[in-house]
Amino acid sequence: FAARYAAASVAKPDAHQIRIGRLRVSGTDAAIDRSVDRVLKET
């Protein structure tokens, strides 16, 4: 597994290369949703 993980890190070393589907779930605390959105953006 260590080799597989190293290969994945080399293949996409930058977050801009990774497409993230953002799922919103009803009933989520607004502060938690904001934290998730902020982290995805800042990364």
All heavy atoms as atom14 arrays in JSON, in Angstrom:
{
  "sequence": "FAARYAAASVAKPDAHQIRIGRLRVSGTDAAIDRSVDRVLKET",
  "atom14_mask": [
    [1, 1, 1, 1, 1, 1, 1, 1, 1, 1, 1, 0, 0, 0],
    [1, 1, 1, 1, 1, 0, 0, 0, 0, 0, 0, 0, 0, 0],
    [1, 1, 1, 1, 1, 0, 0, 0, 0, 0, 0, 0, 0, 0],
    [1, 1, 1, 1, 1, 1, 1, 1, 1, 1, 1, 0, 0, 0],
    [1, 1, 1, 1, 1, 1, 1, 1, 1, 1, 1, 1, 0, 0],
    [1, 1, 1, 1, 1, 0, 0, 0, 0, 0, 0, 0, 0, 0],
    [1, 1, 1, 1, 1, 0, 0, 0, 0, 0, 0, 0, 0, 0],
    [1, 1, 1, 1, 1, 0, 0, 0, 0, 0, 0, 0, 0, 0],
    [1, 1, 1, 1, 1, 1, 0, 0, 0, 0, 0, 0, 0, 0],
    [1, 1, 1, 1, 1, 1, 1, 0, 0, 0, 0, 0, 0, 0],
    [1, 1, 1, 1, 1, 0, 0, 0, 0, 0, 0, 0, 0, 0],
    [1, 1, 1, 1, 1, 1, 1, 1, 1, 0, 0, 0, 0, 0],
    [1, 1, 1, 1, 1, 1, 1, 0, 0, 0, 0, 0, 0, 0],
    [1, 1, 1, 1, 1, 1, 1, 1, 0, 0, 0, 0, 0, 0],
    [1, 1, 1, 1, 1, 0, 0, 0, 0, 0, 0, 0, 0, 0],
    [1, 1, 1, 1, 1, 1, 1, 1, 1, 1, 0, 0, 0, 0],
    [1, 1, 1, 1, 1, 1, 1, 1, 1, 0, 0, 0, 0, 0],
    [1, 1, 1, 1, 1, 1, 1, 1, 0, 0, 0, 0, 0, 0],
    [1, 1, 1, 1, 1, 1, 1, 1, 1, 1, 1, 0, 0, 0],
    [1, 1, 1, 1, 1, 1, 1, 1, 0, 0, 0, 0, 0, 0],
    [1, 1, 1, 1, 0, 0, 0, 0, 0, 0, 0, 0, 0, 0],
    [1, 1, 1, 1, 1, 1, 1, 1, 1, 1, 1, 0, 0, 0],
    [1, 1, 1, 1, 1, 1, 1, 1, 0, 0, 0, 0, 0, 0],
    [1, 1, 1, 1, 1, 1, 1, 1, 1, 1, 1, 0, 0, 0],
    [1, 1, 1, 1, 1, 1, 1, 0, 0, 0, 0, 0, 0, 0],
    [1, 1, 1, 1, 1, 1, 0, 0, 0, 0, 0, 0, 0, 0],
    [1, 1, 1, 1, 0, 0, 0, 0, 0, 0, 0, 0, 0, 0],
    [1, 1, 1, 1, 1, 1, 1, 0, 0, 0, 0, 0, 0, 0],
    [1, 1, 1, 1, 1, 1, 1, 1, 0, 0, 0, 0, 0, 0],
    [1, 1, 1, 1, 1, 0, 0, 0, 0, 0, 0, 0, 0, 0],
    [1, 1, 1, 1, 1, 0, 0, 0, 0, 0, 0, 0, 0, 0],
    [1, 1, 1, 1, 1, 1, 1, 1, 0, 0, 0, 0, 0, 0],
    [1, 1, 1, 1, 1, 1, 1, 1, 0, 0, 0, 0, 0, 0],
    [1, 1, 1, 1, 1, 1, 1, 1, 1, 1, 1, 0, 0, 0],
    [1, 1, 1, 1, 1, 1, 0, 0, 0, 0, 0, 0, 0, 0],
    [1, 1, 1, 1, 1, 1, 1, 0, 0, 0, 0, 0, 0, 0],
    [1, 1, 1, 1, 1, 1, 1, 1, 0, 0, 0, 0, 0, 0],
    [1, 1, 1, 1, 1, 1, 1, 1, 1, 1, 1, 0, 0, 0],
    [1, 1, 1, 1, 1, 1, 1, 0, 0, 0, 0, 0, 0, 0],
    [1, 1, 1, 1, 1, 1, 1, 1, 0, 0, 0, 0, 0, 0],
    [1, 1, 1, 1, 1, 1, 1, 1, 1, 0, 0, 0, 0, 0],
    [1, 1, 1, 1, 1, 1, 1, 1, 1, 0, 0, 0, 0, 0],
    [1, 1, 1, 1, 1, 1, 1, 0, 0, 0, 0, 0, 0, 0]
  ],
  "atom14_positions": [
    [[0.81, -1.21, 0.0], [0.0, 0.0, 0.0], [0.85, 1.26, 0.0], [0.49, 2.26, -0.63], [-0.96, 0.04, 1.19], [-1.83, 1.27, 1.17], [-2.96, 1.31, 0.37], [-1.5, 2.39, 1.92], [-3.74, 2.46, 0.31], [-2.27, 3.54, 1.88], [-3.41, 3.56, 1.07], [0.0, 0.0, 0.0], [0.0, 0.0, 0.0], [0.0, 0.0, 0.0]],
    [[1.98, 1.25, 0.69], [2.82, 2.45, 0.75], [3.21, 2.91, -0.65], [3.23, 4.12, -0.94], [4.07, 2.18, 1.6], [0.0, 0.0, 0.0], [0.0, 0.0, 0.0], [0.0, 0.0, 0.0], [0.0, 0.0, 0.0], [0.0, 0.0, 0.0], [0.0, 0.0, 0.0], [0.0, 0.0, 0.0], [0.0, 0.0, 0.0], [0.0, 0.0, 0.0]],
    [[3.5, 1.97, -1.53], [3.87, 2.33, -2.91], [2.66, 2.89, -3.65], [2.8, 3.86, -4.43], [4.41, 1.1, -3.63], [0.0, 0.0, 0.0], [0.0, 0.0, 0.0], [0.0, 0.0, 0.0], [0.0, 0.0, 0.0], [0.0, 0.0, 0.0], [0.0, 0.0, 0.0], [0.0, 0.0, 0.0], [0.0, 0.0, 0.0], [0.0, 0.0, 0.0]],
    [[1.48, 2.34, -3.42], [0.27, 2.86, -4.07], [-0.01, 4.28, -3.6], [-0.39, 5.15, -4.4], [-0.93, 1.97, -3.76], [-0.89, 0.59, -4.41], [-2.14, -0.19, -4.05], [-3.34, 0.48, -4.53], [-4.52, 0.47, -3.92], [-4.65, -0.16, -2.76], [-5.55, 1.1, -4.44], [0.0, 0.0, 0.0], [0.0, 0.0, 0.0], [0.0, 0.0, 0.0]],
    [[0.17, 4.53, -2.32], [-0.06, 5.87, -1.77], [0.96, 6.87, -2.32], [0.62, 7.99, -2.72], [0.0, 5.82, -0.24], [-0.08, 7.16, 0.44], [-1.05, 8.11, 0.07], [0.8, 7.5, 1.46], [-1.12, 9.33, 0.71], [0.74, 8.72, 2.11], [-0.23, 9.63, 1.73], [-0.3, 10.85, 2.36], [0.0, 0.0, 0.0], [0.0, 0.0, 0.0]],
    [[2.22, 6.45, -2.38], [3.25, 7.33, -2.94], [2.95, 7.67, -4.39], [3.11, 8.82, -4.83], [4.62, 6.67, -2.82], [0.0, 0.0, 0.0], [0.0, 0.0, 0.0], [0.0, 0.0, 0.0], [0.0, 0.0, 0.0], [0.0, 0.0, 0.0], [0.0, 0.0, 0.0], [0.0, 0.0, 0.0], [0.0, 0.0, 0.0], [0.0, 0.0, 0.0]],
    [[2.48, 6.69, -5.16], [2.16, 6.93, -6.57], [1.0, 7.91, -6.71], [1.01, 8.78, -7.59], [1.82, 5.61, -7.25], [0.0, 0.0, 0.0], [0.0, 0.0, 0.0], [0.0, 0.0, 0.0], [0.0, 0.0, 0.0], [0.0, 0.0, 0.0], [0.0, 0.0, 0.0], [0.0, 0.0, 0.0], [0.0, 0.0, 0.0], [0.0, 0.0, 0.0]],
    [[-0.01, 7.79, -5.85], [-1.15, 8.71, -5.9], [-0.71, 10.13, -5.57], [-1.19, 11.1, -6.17], [-2.23, 8.25, -4.94], [0.0, 0.0, 0.0], [0.0, 0.0, 0.0], [0.0, 0.0, 0.0], [0.0, 0.0, 0.0], [0.0, 0.0, 0.0], [0.0, 0.0, 0.0], [0.0, 0.0, 0.0], [0.0, 0.0, 0.0], [0.0, 0.0, 0.0]],
    [[0.21, 10.27, -4.62], [0.7, 11.6, -4.23], [1.51, 12.23, -5.34], [1.46, 13.45, -5.55], [1.53, 11.48, -2.95], [0.77, 10.93, -1.9], [0.0, 0.0, 0.0], [0.0, 0.0, 0.0], [0.0, 0.0, 0.0], [0.0, 0.0, 0.0], [0.0, 0.0, 0.0], [0.0, 0.0, 0.0], [0.0, 0.0, 0.0], [0.0, 0.0, 0.0]],
    [[2.27, 11.42, -6.08], [3.06, 11.93, -7.21], [2.15, 12.27, -8.39], [2.34, 13.28, -9.07], [4.12, 10.88, -7.63], [4.77, 11.28, -8.95], [5.17, 10.74, -6.53], [0.0, 0.0, 0.0], [0.0, 0.0, 0.0], [0.0, 0.0, 0.0], [0.0, 0.0, 0.0], [0.0, 0.0, 0.0], [0.0, 0.0, 0.0], [0.0, 0.0, 0.0]],
    [[1.13, 11.45, -8.6], [0.24, 11.68, -9.74], [-0.56, 12.97, -9.6], [-0.78, 13.69, -10.59], [-0.72, 10.5, -9.88], [0.0, 0.0, 0.0], [0.0, 0.0, 0.0], [0.0, 0.0, 0.0], [0.0, 0.0, 0.0], [0.0, 0.0, 0.0], [0.0, 0.0, 0.0], [0.0, 0.0, 0.0], [0.0, 0.0, 0.0], [0.0, 0.0, 0.0]],
    [[-0.97, 13.3, -8.37], [-1.74, 14.53, -8.15], [-1.2, 15.24, -6.91], [-1.79, 15.2, -5.83], [-3.23, 14.2, -8.0], [-3.84, 13.69, -9.31], [-5.35, 13.61, -9.26], [-5.88, 13.18, -10.64], [-7.35, 13.04, -10.65], [0.0, 0.0, 0.0], [0.0, 0.0, 0.0], [0.0, 0.0, 0.0], [0.0, 0.0, 0.0], [0.0, 0.0, 0.0]],
    [[-0.08, 15.93, -7.08], [0.54, 16.61, -5.95], [-0.14, 17.93, -5.59], [0.18, 18.53, -4.57], [1.97, 16.86, -6.43], [1.83, 17.0, -7.92], [0.74, 16.04, -8.31], [0.0, 0.0, 0.0], [0.0, 0.0, 0.0], [0.0, 0.0, 0.0], [0.0, 0.0, 0.0], [0.0, 0.0, 0.0], [0.0, 0.0, 0.0], [0.0, 0.0, 0.0]],
    [[-1.05, 18.38, -6.44], [-1.71, 19.68, -6.27], [-3.22, 19.48, -6.22], [-3.79, 18.76, -7.05], [-1.34, 20.59, -7.45], [-1.73, 22.03, -7.19], [-2.91, 22.29, -6.93], [-0.84, 22.91, -7.29], [0.0, 0.0, 0.0], [0.0, 0.0, 0.0], [0.0, 0.0, 0.0], [0.0, 0.0, 0.0], [0.0, 0.0, 0.0], [0.0, 0.0, 0.0]],
    [[-3.87, 20.14, -5.26], [-5.31, 20.0, -5.1], [-6.09, 20.48, -6.31], [-7.22, 20.04, -6.55], [-5.77, 20.74, -3.85], [0.0, 0.0, 0.0], [0.0, 0.0, 0.0], [0.0, 0.0, 0.0], [0.0, 0.0, 0.0], [0.0, 0.0, 0.0], [0.0, 0.0, 0.0], [0.0, 0.0, 0.0], [0.0, 0.0, 0.0], [0.0, 0.0, 0.0]],
    [[-5.51, 21.41, -7.09], [-6.21, 21.92, -8.28], [-6.47, 20.83, -9.31], [-7.32, 20.99, -10.18], [-5.39, 23.05, -8.92], [-5.35, 24.3, -8.08], [-4.36, 24.53, -7.17], [-6.2, 25.36, -8.02], [-4.57, 25.7, -6.58], [-5.68, 26.23, -7.07], [0.0, 0.0, 0.0], [0.0, 0.0, 0.0], [0.0, 0.0, 0.0], [0.0, 0.0, 0.0]],
    [[-5.75, 19.73, -9.2], [-5.93, 18.62, -10.13], [-7.06, 17.68, -9.72], [-7.39, 16.76, -10.47], [-4.62, 17.82, -10.23], [-3.42, 18.61, -10.7], [-2.14, 17.83, -10.53], [-1.57, 17.74, -9.44], [-1.7, 17.2, -11.61], [0.0, 0.0, 0.0], [0.0, 0.0, 0.0], [0.0, 0.0, 0.0], [0.0, 0.0, 0.0], [0.0, 0.0, 0.0]],
    [[-7.64, 17.91, -8.55], [-8.61, 16.96, -7.99], [-10.0, 17.57, -8.0], [-10.23, 18.65, -7.44], [-8.2, 16.57, -6.56], [-6.79, 15.93, -6.57], [-9.23, 15.6, -5.97], [-6.24, 15.65, -5.19], [0.0, 0.0, 0.0], [0.0, 0.0, 0.0], [0.0, 0.0, 0.0], [0.0, 0.0, 0.0], [0.0, 0.0, 0.0], [0.0, 0.0, 0.0]],
    [[-10.94, 16.86, -8.63], [-12.34, 17.31, -8.69], [-13.1, 16.72, -7.51], [-13.15, 15.51, -7.33], [-12.99, 16.85, -10.0], [-12.31, 17.34, -11.26], [-12.82, 16.57, -12.47], [-12.53, 15.14, -12.34], [-13.06, 14.19, -13.11], [-13.94, 14.51, -14.06], [-12.74, 12.92, -12.93], [0.0, 0.0, 0.0], [0.0, 0.0, 0.0], [0.0, 0.0, 0.0]],
    [[-13.7, 17.61, -6.72], [-14.43, 17.21, -5.53], [-15.91, 17.48, -5.73], [-16.33, 18.61, -5.97], [-13.95, 17.98, -4.28], [-12.46, 17.72, -4.02], [-14.81, 17.62, -3.07], [-12.15, 16.31, -3.58], [0.0, 0.0, 0.0], [0.0, 0.0, 0.0], [0.0, 0.0, 0.0], [0.0, 0.0, 0.0], [0.0, 0.0, 0.0], [0.0, 0.0, 0.0]],
    [[-16.72, 16.44, -5.63], [-18.17, 16.61, -5.64], [-18.64, 16.96, -4.23], [-18.48, 16.15, -3.31], [0.0, 0.0, 0.0], [0.0, 0.0, 0.0], [0.0, 0.0, 0.0], [0.0, 0.0, 0.0], [0.0, 0.0, 0.0], [0.0, 0.0, 0.0], [0.0, 0.0, 0.0], [0.0, 0.0, 0.0], [0.0, 0.0, 0.0], [0.0, 0.0, 0.0]],
    [[-19.19, 18.15, -4.06], [-19.62, 18.61, -2.72], [-21.06, 18.2, -2.48], [-21.99, 18.65, -3.16], [-19.45, 20.13, -2.63], [-19.99, 20.76, -1.34], [-19.19, 20.32, -0.12], [-19.44, 21.21, 1.01], [-20.28, 20.94, 2.01], [-20.94, 19.79, 2.02], [-20.45, 21.8, 3.0], [0.0, 0.0, 0.0], [0.0, 0.0, 0.0], [0.0, 0.0, 0.0]],
    [[-21.25, 17.35, -1.49], [-22.58, 16.9, -1.11], [-23.04, 17.66, 0.12], [-22.32, 17.74, 1.12], [-22.56, 15.39, -0.81], [-23.85, 14.78, -0.26], [-24.99, 14.95, -1.25], [-23.63, 13.31, 0.09], [0.0, 0.0, 0.0], [0.0, 0.0, 0.0], [0.0, 0.0, 0.0], [0.0, 0.0, 0.0], [0.0, 0.0, 0.0], [0.0, 0.0, 0.0]],
    [[-24.23, 18.21, 0.04], [-24.84, 18.89, 1.2], [-25.96, 18.02, 1.75], [-26.78, 17.51, 0.99], [-25.36, 20.27, 0.8], [-24.23, 21.19, 0.34], [-24.66, 22.63, 0.13], [-23.51, 23.4, -0.31], [-22.59, 23.91, 0.49], [-22.7, 23.76, 1.81], [-21.56, 24.58, 0.01], [0.0, 0.0, 0.0], [0.0, 0.0, 0.0], [0.0, 0.0, 0.0]],
    [[-25.95, 17.87, 3.06], [-26.92, 17.01, 3.73], [-27.77, 17.85, 4.65], [-27.25, 18.64, 5.46], [-26.21, 15.89, 4.52], [-27.22, 14.97, 5.18], [-25.27, 15.11, 3.61], [0.0, 0.0, 0.0], [0.0, 0.0, 0.0], [0.0, 0.0, 0.0], [0.0, 0.0, 0.0], [0.0, 0.0, 0.0], [0.0, 0.0, 0.0], [0.0, 0.0, 0.0]],
    [[-29.08, 17.72, 4.54], [-29.99, 18.53, 5.36], [-29.77, 18.23, 6.84], [-29.44, 17.11, 7.23], [-31.44, 18.24, 4.98], [-31.75, 16.87, 5.23], [0.0, 0.0, 0.0], [0.0, 0.0, 0.0], [0.0, 0.0, 0.0], [0.0, 0.0, 0.0], [0.0, 0.0, 0.0], [0.0, 0.0, 0.0], [0.0, 0.0, 0.0], [0.0, 0.0, 0.0]],
    [[-29.94, 19.27, 7.65], [-29.77, 19.13, 9.09], [-28.36, 19.37, 9.58], [-28.1, 19.25, 10.78], [0.0, 0.0, 0.0], [0.0, 0.0, 0.0], [0.0, 0.0, 0.0], [0.0, 0.0, 0.0], [0.0, 0.0, 0.0], [0.0, 0.0, 0.0], [0.0, 0.0, 0.0], [0.0, 0.0, 0.0], [0.0, 0.0, 0.0], [0.0, 0.0, 0.0]],
    [[-27.45, 19.73, 8.67], [-26.06, 19.96, 9.07], [-25.91, 21.32, 9.74], [-26.46, 22.32, 9.27], [-25.13, 19.88, 7.85], [-25.27, 18.6, 7.23], [-23.68, 20.08, 8.26], [0.0, 0.0, 0.0], [0.0, 0.0, 0.0], [0.0, 0.0, 0.0], [0.0, 0.0, 0.0], [0.0, 0.0, 0.0], [0.0, 0.0, 0.0], [0.0, 0.0, 0.0]],
    [[-25.17, 21.35, 10.82], [-24.84, 22.6, 11.51], [-24.18, 23.55, 10.52], [-23.23, 23.18, 9.82], [-23.89, 22.28, 12.67], [-23.58, 23.46, 13.55], [-23.1, 24.48, 13.03], [-23.8, 23.36, 14.77], [0.0, 0.0, 0.0], [0.0, 0.0, 0.0], [0.0, 0.0, 0.0], [0.0, 0.0, 0.0], [0.0, 0.0, 0.0], [0.0, 0.0, 0.0]],
    [[-24.67, 24.8, 10.46], [-24.16, 25.76, 9.48], [-22.67, 26.03, 9.65], [-21.95, 26.21, 8.66], [-24.94, 27.07, 9.59], [0.0, 0.0, 0.0], [0.0, 0.0, 0.0], [0.0, 0.0, 0.0], [0.0, 0.0, 0.0], [0.0, 0.0, 0.0], [0.0, 0.0, 0.0], [0.0, 0.0, 0.0], [0.0, 0.0, 0.0], [0.0, 0.0, 0.0]],
    [[-22.2, 26.02, 10.89], [-20.77, 26.27, 11.13], [-19.91, 25.14, 10.56], [-18.81, 25.37, 10.05], [-20.5, 26.42, 12.63], [0.0, 0.0, 0.0], [0.0, 0.0, 0.0], [0.0, 0.0, 0.0], [0.0, 0.0, 0.0], [0.0, 0.0, 0.0], [0.0, 0.0, 0.0], [0.0, 0.0, 0.0], [0.0, 0.0, 0.0], [0.0, 0.0, 0.0]],
    [[-20.41, 23.92, 10.62], [-19.68, 22.79, 10.06], [-19.65, 22.87, 8.54], [-18.6, 22.66, 7.91], [-20.29, 21.46, 10.55], [-20.0, 21.3, 12.03], [-19.73, 20.28, 9.75], [-20.6, 20.05, 12.65], [0.0, 0.0, 0.0], [0.0, 0.0, 0.0], [0.0, 0.0, 0.0], [0.0, 0.0, 0.0], [0.0, 0.0, 0.0], [0.0, 0.0, 0.0]],
    [[-20.78, 23.18, 7.92], [-20.8, 23.35, 6.46], [-19.84, 24.45, 6.03], [-19.12, 24.31, 5.03], [-22.22, 23.67, 5.98], [-22.94, 22.44, 5.43], [-22.27, 21.46, 5.06], [-24.18, 22.47, 5.38], [0.0, 0.0, 0.0], [0.0, 0.0, 0.0], [0.0, 0.0, 0.0], [0.0, 0.0, 0.0], [0.0, 0.0, 0.0], [0.0, 0.0, 0.0]],
    [[-19.81, 25.55, 6.77], [-18.89, 26.64, 6.42], [-17.44, 26.19, 6.54], [-16.59, 26.54, 5.7], [-19.14, 27.85, 7.32], [-20.41, 28.63, 7.01], [-20.41, 29.98, 7.68], [-20.41, 29.88, 9.14], [-21.5, 29.83, 9.9], [-22.71, 29.88, 9.32], [-21.42, 29.75, 11.21], [0.0, 0.0, 0.0], [0.0, 0.0, 0.0], [0.0, 0.0, 0.0]],
    [[-17.13, 25.41, 7.56], [-15.76, 24.91, 7.74], [-15.36, 24.01, 6.58], [-14.24, 24.12, 6.05], [-15.64, 24.15, 9.06], [-15.76, 25.02, 10.16], [0.0, 0.0, 0.0], [0.0, 0.0, 0.0], [0.0, 0.0, 0.0], [0.0, 0.0, 0.0], [0.0, 0.0, 0.0], [0.0, 0.0, 0.0], [0.0, 0.0, 0.0], [0.0, 0.0, 0.0]],
    [[-16.25, 23.12, 6.18], [-15.95, 22.23, 5.05], [-15.71, 23.04, 3.79], [-14.73, 22.83, 3.06], [-17.09, 21.21, 4.85], [-16.93, 20.47, 3.52], [-17.12, 20.21, 6.0], [0.0, 0.0, 0.0], [0.0, 0.0, 0.0], [0.0, 0.0, 0.0], [0.0, 0.0, 0.0], [0.0, 0.0, 0.0], [0.0, 0.0, 0.0], [0.0, 0.0, 0.0]],
    [[-16.59, 24.0, 3.51], [-16.44, 24.82, 2.3], [-15.15, 25.63, 2.33], [-14.45, 25.74, 1.32], [-17.64, 25.76, 2.15], [-18.93, 25.03, 1.82], [-18.85, 23.93, 1.25], [-20.01, 25.56, 2.13], [0.0, 0.0, 0.0], [0.0, 0.0, 0.0], [0.0, 0.0, 0.0], [0.0, 0.0, 0.0], [0.0, 0.0, 0.0], [0.0, 0.0, 0.0]],
    [[-14.82, 26.17, 3.5], [-13.6, 26.99, 3.62], [-12.36, 26.13, 3.38], [-11.44, 26.54, 2.66], [-13.55, 27.62, 5.01], [-12.34, 28.52, 5.24], [-12.46, 29.3, 6.54], [-12.63, 28.43, 7.69], [-13.74, 28.3, 8.4], [-14.82, 28.99, 8.05], [-13.8, 27.5, 9.44], [0.0, 0.0, 0.0], [0.0, 0.0, 0.0], [0.0, 0.0, 0.0]],
    [[-12.34, 24.93, 3.95], [-11.17, 24.06, 3.8], [-11.02, 23.6, 2.36], [-9.9, 23.58, 1.81], [-11.29, 22.86, 4.76], [-10.3, 21.76, 4.38], [-11.05, 23.32, 6.19], [0.0, 0.0, 0.0], [0.0, 0.0, 0.0], [0.0, 0.0, 0.0], [0.0, 0.0, 0.0], [0.0, 0.0, 0.0], [0.0, 0.0, 0.0], [0.0, 0.0, 0.0]],
    [[-12.11, 23.24, 1.71], [-12.02, 22.82, 0.3], [-11.49, 23.96, -0.57], [-10.67, 23.74, -1.47], [-13.4, 22.37, -0.19], [-13.97, 21.1, 0.45], [-15.38, 20.84, -0.08], [-13.08, 19.9, 0.2], [0.0, 0.0, 0.0], [0.0, 0.0, 0.0], [0.0, 0.0, 0.0], [0.0, 0.0, 0.0], [0.0, 0.0, 0.0], [0.0, 0.0, 0.0]],
    [[-11.94, 25.17, -0.29], [-11.48, 26.34, -1.06], [-10.02, 26.65, -0.78], [-9.23, 26.86, -1.71], [-12.36, 27.55, -0.73], [-11.98, 28.8, -1.51], [-12.89, 29.97, -1.16], [-12.5, 31.23, -1.92], [-13.4, 32.38, -1.57], [0.0, 0.0, 0.0], [0.0, 0.0, 0.0], [0.0, 0.0, 0.0], [0.0, 0.0, 0.0], [0.0, 0.0, 0.0]],
    [[-9.64, 26.67, 0.49], [-8.27, 27.04, 0.85], [-7.26, 25.99, 0.39], [-6.11, 26.31, 0.1], [-8.17, 27.27, 2.36], [-8.92, 28.52, 2.81], [-8.79, 28.77, 4.31], [-8.01, 28.04, 4.98], [-9.47, 29.67, 4.81], [0.0, 0.0, 0.0], [0.0, 0.0, 0.0], [0.0, 0.0, 0.0], [0.0, 0.0, 0.0], [0.0, 0.0, 0.0]],
    [[-7.7, 24.74, 0.35], [-6.81, 23.69, -0.15], [-6.63, 23.78, -1.65], [-5.57, 23.41, -2.19], [-7.34, 22.29, 0.23], [-7.58, 22.25, 1.64], [-6.35, 21.2, -0.12], [0.0, 0.0, 0.0], [0.0, 0.0, 0.0], [0.0, 0.0, 0.0], [0.0, 0.0, 0.0], [0.0, 0.0, 0.0], [0.0, 0.0, 0.0], [0.0, 0.0, 0.0]]
  ]
}
